[in-house]
Amino acid sequence: MRLAGAFAQYITLPERNLLDMPQDMDPVIASLAEPAATSLHAIYLAENVLHRPLSECRALVLGGGSIGVFAGLMLKGKGCSDVYLGDTNSLRRDTAEKLGCCKVYDPVSGELPQESSFDLVVDAVGSGRTRAASCRFVKAGGVISHVGLQDNEPGLDTRRITLEEISFLGNYTYTAVDLRAAIQALYSGALGPLDWVETRRLSDGAAAFREIHEGKAAAPKIVLRP
């Protein structure tokens, strides 16, 4: 259920929407459960369609926000040794590169990966441009796991998808099982240090959104605290 007013001082939710969290879990880390579960869900669906284990795959992540970064970390954790991540924000690229889970590149003016060379492409942006890029970079018989919802512009090469039997998977958020698994992964430290997450005061929220929109934020995730 989606309700308006998440930044209000108080909000009422149905009890069925609540999950038990470890009592000693840092609230900032707990707030990452949603993007982590979304990434986990996208990768889980892709695993069900791929013809080989992720440890034998080359993977590409489009977008260096929290969902994209979590996808890179999870792919690395599953043994995928060759992971690329593309983002137009140079600050986010620097942050992702320091994590050591993927090779980063600039989709606009940098050296691009080889086309038709990835078994799995995770589109964590969801724009016409990234859908077009997904179609260019995925292998014949590969999988595009589409997560982002930036726009509904054209970009899919449906002819290539058909002729080369490429699977296109739409992913919308996560299941309750995914969310619980994400909470456990975050709590246990399975996703590594989360020092790439930035915290700011709630009163600085408007400025944070503006920096993200203008590509001036280095952190893939900014958490607002009272």
C-alpha atoms as a PDB file:
ATOM      1  CA  MET A   1       0.000   0.000   0.000  1.00  0.00           C
ATOM      2  CA  ARG A   2       1.326   3.437  -0.940  1.00  0.00           C
ATOM      3  CA  LEU A   3       0.285   6.462   1.077  1.00  0.00           C
ATOM      4  CA  ALA A   4       1.242  10.099   0.744  1.00  0.00           C
ATOM      5  CA  GLY A   5       2.949  11.902   3.619  1.00  0.00           C
ATOM      6  CA  ALA A   6       6.080   9.824   4.301  1.00  0.00           C
ATOM      7  CA  PHE A   7       7.961  12.963   5.388  1.00  0.00           C
ATOM      8  CA  ALA A   8       5.268  13.951   7.889  1.00  0.00           C
ATOM      9  CA  GLN A   9       6.036  13.888  11.603  1.00  0.00           C
ATOM     10  CA  TYR A  10       3.553  11.044  12.098  1.00  0.00           C
ATOM     11  CA  ILE A  11       2.018   8.562   9.687  1.00  0.00           C
ATOM     12  CA  THR A  12      -0.468   5.744  10.165  1.00  0.00           C
ATOM     13  CA  LEU A  13       0.066   2.450   8.345  1.00  0.00           C
ATOM     14  CA  PRO A  14      -1.804  -0.864   8.296  1.00  0.00           C
ATOM     15  CA  GLU A  15      -0.318  -3.291  10.815  1.00  0.00           C
ATOM     16  CA  ARG A  16       0.187  -5.899   8.060  1.00  0.00           C
ATOM     17  CA  ASN A  17       2.766  -3.568   6.479  1.00  0.00           C
ATOM     18  CA  LEU A  18       5.051  -3.769   9.528  1.00  0.00           C
ATOM     19  CA  LEU A  19       8.022  -6.103   9.891  1.00  0.00           C
ATOM     20  CA  ASP A  20      10.017  -6.925  12.988  1.00  0.00           C
ATOM     21  CA  MET A  21      13.530  -5.489  12.870  1.00  0.00           C
ATOM     22  CA  PRO A  22      16.467  -6.505  15.071  1.00  0.00           C
ATOM     23  CA  GLN A  23      16.302  -4.263  18.123  1.00  0.00           C
ATOM     24  CA  ASP A  24      19.945  -3.232  17.816  1.00  0.00           C
ATOM     25  CA  MET A  25      19.819  -2.486  14.086  1.00  0.00           C
ATOM     26  CA  ASP A  26      20.921   1.018  13.149  1.00  0.00           C
ATOM     27  CA  PRO A  27      17.854   2.890  11.800  1.00  0.00           C
ATOM     28  CA  VAL A  28      19.946   4.253   8.924  1.00  0.00           C
ATOM     29  CA  ILE A  29      20.918   0.732   7.879  1.00  0.00           C
ATOM     30  CA  ALA A  30      17.325  -0.428   8.335  1.00  0.00           C
ATOM     31  CA  SER A  31      16.154   2.302   5.956  1.00  0.00           C
ATOM     32  CA  LEU A  32      18.185   0.655   3.190  1.00  0.00           C
ATOM     33  CA  ALA A  33      16.004  -2.453   3.213  1.00  0.00           C
ATOM     34  CA  GLU A  34      13.760  -1.138   0.424  1.00  0.00           C
ATOM     35  CA  PRO A  35      16.450  -0.520  -2.250  1.00  0.00           C
ATOM     36  CA  ALA A  36      18.370  -3.629  -1.182  1.00  0.00           C
ATOM     37  CA  ALA A  37      15.236  -5.781  -1.507  1.00  0.00           C
ATOM     38  CA  THR A  38      14.484  -4.280  -4.912  1.00  0.00           C
ATOM     39  CA  SER A  39      17.968  -5.201  -6.160  1.00  0.00           C
ATOM     40  CA  LEU A  40      17.736  -8.667  -4.661  1.00  0.00           C
ATOM     41  CA  HIS A  41      14.376  -9.240  -6.361  1.00  0.00           C
ATOM     42  CA  ALA A  42      15.703  -8.147  -9.763  1.00  0.00           C
ATOM     43  CA  ILE A  43      18.689 -10.469  -9.525  1.00  0.00           C
ATOM     44  CA  TYR A  44      16.602 -13.350  -8.203  1.00  0.00           C
ATOM     45  CA  LEU A  45      14.230 -13.137 -11.175  1.00  0.00           C
ATOM     46  CA  ALA A  46      17.180 -13.004 -13.574  1.00  0.00           C
ATOM     47  CA  GLU A  47      18.751 -16.086 -11.973  1.00  0.00           C
ATOM     48  CA  ASN A  48      15.585 -18.030 -12.697  1.00  0.00           C
ATOM     49  CA  VAL A  49      15.922 -17.295 -16.408  1.00  0.00           C
ATOM     50  CA  LEU A  50      19.684 -17.380 -17.006  1.00  0.00           C
ATOM     51  CA  HIS A  51      21.056 -20.574 -18.482  1.00  0.00           C
ATOM     52  CA  ARG A  52      24.153 -20.559 -16.274  1.00  0.00           C
ATOM     53  CA  PRO A  53      25.043 -19.572 -12.701  1.00  0.00           C
ATOM     54  CA  LEU A  54      25.932 -15.943 -12.055  1.00  0.00           C
ATOM     55  CA  SER A  55      29.481 -16.987 -11.225  1.00  0.00           C
ATOM     56  CA  GLU A  56      29.899 -17.789 -14.927  1.00  0.00           C
ATOM     57  CA  CYS A  57      28.262 -14.582 -16.194  1.00  0.00           C
ATOM     58  CA  ARG A  58      29.363 -11.114 -17.213  1.00  0.00           C
ATOM     59  CA  ALA A  59      26.996  -8.479 -15.836  1.00  0.00           C
ATOM     60  CA  LEU A  60      26.303  -4.829 -16.508  1.00  0.00           C
ATOM     61  CA  VAL A  61      24.472  -2.458 -14.167  1.00  0.00           C
ATOM     62  CA  LEU A  62      23.090   0.783 -15.571  1.00  0.00           C
ATOM     63  CA  GLY A  63      22.739   3.434 -12.865  1.00  0.00           C
ATOM     64  CA  GLY A  64      24.838   4.087  -9.776  1.00  0.00           C
ATOM     65  CA  GLY A  65      22.087   4.926  -7.297  1.00  0.00           C
ATOM     66  CA  SER A  66      21.414   2.725  -4.284  1.00  0.00           C
ATOM     67  CA  ILE A  67      19.590   0.041  -6.304  1.00  0.00           C
ATOM     68  CA  GLY A  68      22.389  -0.098  -8.869  1.00  0.00           C
ATOM     69  CA  VAL A  69      25.116  -0.213  -6.223  1.00  0.00           C
ATOM     70  CA  PHE A  70      23.325  -2.911  -4.258  1.00  0.00           C
ATOM     71  CA  ALA A  71      22.932  -4.882  -7.492  1.00  0.00           C
ATOM     72  CA  GLY A  72      26.681  -4.626  -8.104  1.00  0.00           C
ATOM     73  CA  LEU A  73      27.477  -5.728  -4.551  1.00  0.00           C
ATOM     74  CA  MET A  74      25.047  -8.656  -4.741  1.00  0.00           C
ATOM     75  CA  LEU A  75      26.350  -9.809  -8.116  1.00  0.00           C
ATOM     76  CA  LYS A  76      29.888  -9.720  -6.767  1.00  0.00           C
ATOM     77  CA  GLY A  77      28.747 -11.614  -3.682  1.00  0.00           C
ATOM     78  CA  LYS A  78      27.262 -14.322  -5.907  1.00  0.00           C
ATOM     79  CA  GLY A  79      30.609 -14.866  -7.580  1.00  0.00           C
ATOM     80  CA  CYS A  80      30.100 -12.719 -10.668  1.00  0.00           C
ATOM     81  CA  SER A  81      33.699 -11.604 -11.161  1.00  0.00           C
ATOM     82  CA  ASP A  82      33.168  -9.361 -14.194  1.00  0.00           C
ATOM     83  CA  VAL A  83      30.676  -6.622 -13.314  1.00  0.00           C
ATOM     84  CA  TYR A  84      30.479  -3.237 -15.026  1.00  0.00           C
ATOM     85  CA  LEU A  85      28.529  -0.201 -13.833  1.00  0.00           C
ATOM     86  CA  GLY A  86      27.664   2.834 -15.935  1.00  0.00           C
ATOM     87  CA  ASP A  87      26.550   6.196 -14.553  1.00  0.00           C
ATOM     88  CA  THR A  88      26.616   9.718 -15.982  1.00  0.00           C
ATOM     89  CA  ASN A  89      27.471  11.243 -12.574  1.00  0.00           C
ATOM     90  CA  SER A  90      31.250  11.277 -12.136  1.00  0.00           C
ATOM     91  CA  LEU A  91      30.917  11.599  -8.353  1.00  0.00           C
ATOM     92  CA  ARG A  92      28.795   8.486  -8.137  1.00  0.00           C
ATOM     93  CA  ARG A  93      31.188   6.644 -10.420  1.00  0.00           C
ATOM     94  CA  ASP A  94      34.033   7.456  -8.039  1.00  0.00           C
ATOM     95  CA  THR A  95      31.986   6.165  -5.110  1.00  0.00           C
ATOM     96  CA  ALA A  96      31.080   2.931  -6.903  1.00  0.00           C
ATOM     97  CA  GLU A  97      34.678   2.370  -7.991  1.00  0.00           C
ATOM     98  CA  LYS A  98      35.930   2.633  -4.396  1.00  0.00           C
ATOM     99  CA  LEU A  99      33.596  -0.202  -3.389  1.00  0.00           C
ATOM    100  CA  GLY A 100      35.609  -2.569  -5.579  1.00  0.00           C
ATOM    101  CA  CYS A 101      32.589  -4.555  -6.760  1.00  0.00           C
ATOM    102  CA  CYS A 102      32.575  -3.376 -10.370  1.00  0.00           C
ATOM    103  CA  LYS A 103      34.382  -1.603 -13.180  1.00  0.00           C
ATOM    104  CA  VAL A 104      32.831   1.793 -13.825  1.00  0.00           C
ATOM    105  CA  TYR A 105      32.485   3.797 -17.014  1.00  0.00           C
ATOM    106  CA  ASP A 106      30.982   7.032 -18.310  1.00  0.00           C
ATOM    107  CA  PRO A 107      28.108   6.254 -20.726  1.00  0.00           C
ATOM    108  CA  VAL A 108      28.318   9.724 -22.297  1.00  0.00           C
ATOM    109  CA  SER A 109      31.967  10.434 -23.033  1.00  0.00           C
ATOM    110  CA  GLY A 110      33.933   7.475 -21.692  1.00  0.00           C
ATOM    111  CA  GLU A 111      35.157   4.246 -23.224  1.00  0.00           C
ATOM    112  CA  LEU A 112      32.166   1.918 -23.471  1.00  0.00           C
ATOM    113  CA  PRO A 113      32.163  -1.825 -22.809  1.00  0.00           C
ATOM    114  CA  GLN A 114      31.994  -4.162 -25.767  1.00  0.00           C
ATOM    115  CA  GLU A 115      28.516  -4.470 -27.222  1.00  0.00           C
ATOM    116  CA  SER A 116      26.655  -7.813 -27.137  1.00  0.00           C
ATOM    117  CA  SER A 117      28.980  -9.063 -24.403  1.00  0.00           C
ATOM    118  CA  PHE A 118      26.921  -9.327 -21.194  1.00  0.00           C
ATOM    119  CA  ASP A 119      24.836 -12.276 -20.040  1.00  0.00           C
ATOM    120  CA  LEU A 120      22.868 -10.006 -17.703  1.00  0.00           C
ATOM    121  CA  VAL A 121      22.050  -6.305 -17.853  1.00  0.00           C
ATOM    122  CA  VAL A 122      20.346  -4.682 -14.861  1.00  0.00           C
ATOM    123  CA  ASP A 123      18.700  -1.404 -15.862  1.00  0.00           C
ATOM    124  CA  ALA A 124      18.351   0.522 -12.602  1.00  0.00           C
ATOM    125  CA  VAL A 125      17.475   3.743 -14.432  1.00  0.00           C
ATOM    126  CA  GLY A 126      14.619   2.837 -16.740  1.00  0.00           C
ATOM    127  CA  SER A 127      14.895   5.496 -19.438  1.00  0.00           C
ATOM    128  CA  GLY A 128      14.641   5.234 -23.203  1.00  0.00           C
ATOM    129  CA  ARG A 129      18.420   5.650 -23.401  1.00  0.00           C
ATOM    130  CA  THR A 130      19.204   2.933 -20.880  1.00  0.00           C
ATOM    131  CA  ARG A 131      16.727   0.539 -22.495  1.00  0.00           C
ATOM    132  CA  ALA A 132      18.495   1.132 -25.817  1.00  0.00           C
ATOM    133  CA  ALA A 133      21.848   0.563 -24.112  1.00  0.00           C
ATOM    134  CA  SER A 134      20.569  -2.639 -22.507  1.00  0.00           C
ATOM    135  CA  CYS A 135      19.649  -3.973 -25.937  1.00  0.00           C
ATOM    136  CA  ARG A 136      23.065  -3.082 -27.346  1.00  0.00           C
ATOM    137  CA  PHE A 137      25.125  -4.609 -24.551  1.00  0.00           C
ATOM    138  CA  VAL A 138      23.230  -7.816 -23.787  1.00  0.00           C
ATOM    139  CA  LYS A 139      24.344 -11.051 -25.468  1.00  0.00           C
ATOM    140  CA  ALA A 140      22.144 -13.154 -27.677  1.00  0.00           C
ATOM    141  CA  GLY A 141      20.174 -15.360 -25.295  1.00  0.00           C
ATOM    142  CA  GLY A 142      20.950 -13.012 -22.398  1.00  0.00           C
ATOM    143  CA  VAL A 143      18.702 -11.316 -19.864  1.00  0.00           C
ATOM    144  CA  ILE A 144      17.708  -7.693 -19.333  1.00  0.00           C
ATOM    145  CA  SER A 145      16.404  -7.112 -15.807  1.00  0.00           C
ATOM    146  CA  HIS A 146      14.509  -3.816 -15.987  1.00  0.00           C
ATOM    147  CA  VAL A 147      14.039  -2.092 -12.625  1.00  0.00           C
ATOM    148  CA  GLY A 148      13.989   1.676 -13.164  1.00  0.00           C
ATOM    149  CA  LEU A 149      10.946   3.785 -13.957  1.00  0.00           C
ATOM    150  CA  GLN A 150      12.441   7.080 -15.086  1.00  0.00           C
ATOM    151  CA  ASP A 151      10.311   7.443 -18.224  1.00  0.00           C
ATOM    152  CA  ASN A 152       8.325   5.538 -20.814  1.00  0.00           C
ATOM    153  CA  GLU A 153      10.247   6.675 -23.882  1.00  0.00           C
ATOM    154  CA  PRO A 154      11.017   4.203 -26.704  1.00  0.00           C
ATOM    155  CA  GLY A 155      14.362   2.426 -26.680  1.00  0.00           C
ATOM    156  CA  LEU A 156      13.819  -1.310 -26.777  1.00  0.00           C
ATOM    157  CA  ASP A 157      15.088  -3.093 -29.872  1.00  0.00           C
ATOM    158  CA  THR A 158      12.214  -5.558 -30.006  1.00  0.00           C
ATOM    159  CA  ARG A 159      13.460  -7.033 -33.278  1.00  0.00           C
ATOM    160  CA  ARG A 160      16.779  -8.001 -31.718  1.00  0.00           C
ATOM    161  CA  ILE A 161      15.052  -9.217 -28.557  1.00  0.00           C
ATOM    162  CA  THR A 162      12.926 -11.520 -30.693  1.00  0.00           C
ATOM    163  CA  LEU A 163      15.513 -12.733 -33.202  1.00  0.00           C
ATOM    164  CA  GLU A 164      18.206 -13.370 -30.581  1.00  0.00           C
ATOM    165  CA  GLU A 165      15.883 -14.736 -27.894  1.00  0.00           C
ATOM    166  CA  ILE A 166      16.767 -12.138 -25.272  1.00  0.00           C
ATOM    167  CA  SER A 167      14.652 -12.248 -22.116  1.00  0.00           C
ATOM    168  CA  PHE A 168      13.264  -8.923 -20.891  1.00  0.00           C
ATOM    169  CA  LEU A 169      12.137  -8.983 -17.265  1.00  0.00           C
ATOM    170  CA  GLY A 170      10.114  -6.230 -15.672  1.00  0.00           C
ATOM    171  CA  ASN A 171      10.702  -5.975 -11.919  1.00  0.00           C
ATOM    172  CA  TYR A 172       8.447  -4.052  -9.578  1.00  0.00           C
ATOM    173  CA  THR A 173       9.837  -3.616  -6.057  1.00  0.00           C
ATOM    174  CA  TYR A 174      10.024  -6.935  -4.143  1.00  0.00           C
ATOM    175  CA  THR A 175       8.180  -9.638  -2.233  1.00  0.00           C
ATOM    176  CA  ALA A 176       7.901  -9.964   1.547  1.00  0.00           C
ATOM    177  CA  VAL A 177      10.446 -12.799   1.341  1.00  0.00           C
ATOM    178  CA  ASP A 178      12.876 -10.543  -0.532  1.00  0.00           C
ATOM    179  CA  LEU A 179      12.427  -7.790   2.058  1.00  0.00           C
ATOM    180  CA  ARG A 180      13.155 -10.113   4.967  1.00  0.00           C
ATOM    181  CA  ALA A 181      16.209 -11.491   3.165  1.00  0.00           C
ATOM    182  CA  ALA A 182      17.465  -7.959   2.507  1.00  0.00           C
ATOM    183  CA  ILE A 183      17.037  -7.018   6.172  1.00  0.00           C
ATOM    184  CA  GLN A 184      19.039 -10.059   7.223  1.00  0.00           C
ATOM    185  CA  ALA A 185      21.784  -9.335   4.688  1.00  0.00           C
ATOM    186  CA  LEU A 186      22.075  -5.737   5.879  1.00  0.00           C
ATOM    187  CA  TYR A 187      22.012  -6.714   9.551  1.00  0.00           C
ATOM    188  CA  SER A 188      24.647  -9.433   9.168  1.00  0.00           C
ATOM    189  CA  GLY A 189      27.015  -7.226   7.181  1.00  0.00           C
ATOM    190  CA  ALA A 190      26.809  -9.506   4.137  1.00  0.00           C
ATOM    191  CA  LEU A 191      26.715  -6.450   1.848  1.00  0.00           C
ATOM    192  CA  GLY A 192      29.919  -5.029   3.252  1.00  0.00           C
ATOM    193  CA  PRO A 193      30.598  -1.611   4.766  1.00  0.00           C
ATOM    194  CA  LEU A 194      27.789   0.803   4.051  1.00  0.00           C
ATOM    195  CA  ASP A 195      29.886   3.934   4.492  1.00  0.00           C
ATOM    196  CA  TRP A 196      28.820   5.061   1.007  1.00  0.00           C
ATOM    197  CA  VAL A 197      25.463   6.064   2.504  1.00  0.00           C
ATOM    198  CA  GLU A 198      25.234   9.725   3.500  1.00  0.00           C
ATOM    199  CA  THR A 199      23.015  11.060   6.277  1.00  0.00           C
ATOM    200  CA  ARG A 200      21.608  14.578   6.441  1.00  0.00           C
ATOM    201  CA  ARG A 201      19.114  16.434   8.567  1.00  0.00           C
ATOM    202  CA  LEU A 202      15.491  16.285   7.494  1.00  0.00           C
ATOM    203  CA  SER A 203      15.552  20.062   7.087  1.00  0.00           C
ATOM    204  CA  ASP A 204      18.206  19.616   4.368  1.00  0.00           C
ATOM    205  CA  GLY A 205      15.964  17.316   2.357  1.00  0.00           C
ATOM    206  CA  ALA A 206      15.066  19.796  -0.374  1.00  0.00           C
ATOM    207  CA  ALA A 207      18.738  20.550  -1.030  1.00  0.00           C
ATOM    208  CA  ALA A 208      19.525  16.819  -1.137  1.00  0.00           C
ATOM    209  CA  PHE A 209      16.837  16.162  -3.746  1.00  0.00           C
ATOM    210  CA  ARG A 210      18.106  19.093  -5.783  1.00  0.00           C
ATOM    211  CA  GLU A 211      21.707  17.810  -5.726  1.00  0.00           C
ATOM    212  CA  ILE A 212      20.552  14.365  -6.823  1.00  0.00           C
ATOM    213  CA  HIS A 213      18.520  15.849  -9.674  1.00  0.00           C
ATOM    214  CA  GLU A 214      21.455  18.008 -10.817  1.00  0.00           C
ATOM    215  CA  GLY A 215      23.983  15.162 -10.582  1.00  0.00           C
ATOM    216  CA  LYS A 216      25.963  16.823  -7.792  1.00  0.00           C
ATOM    217  CA  ALA A 217      25.532  14.129  -5.137  1.00  0.00           C
ATOM    218  CA  ALA A 218      28.349  11.625  -4.682  1.00  0.00           C
ATOM    219  CA  ALA A 219      26.390   9.293  -2.407  1.00  0.00           C
ATOM    220  CA  PRO A 220      24.214   6.652  -4.080  1.00  0.00           C
ATOM    221  CA  LYS A 221      21.847   7.014  -1.111  1.00  0.00           C
ATOM    222  CA  ILE A 222      21.091   9.977   1.143  1.00  0.00           C
ATOM    223  CA  VAL A 223      19.163   9.215   4.325  1.00  0.00           C
ATOM    224  CA  LEU A 224      17.317  12.070   6.011  1.00  0.00           C
ATOM    225  CA  ARG A 225      17.209  12.042   9.809  1.00  0.00           C
ATOM    226  CA  PRO A 226      15.193  14.248  12.216  1.00  0.00           C
END
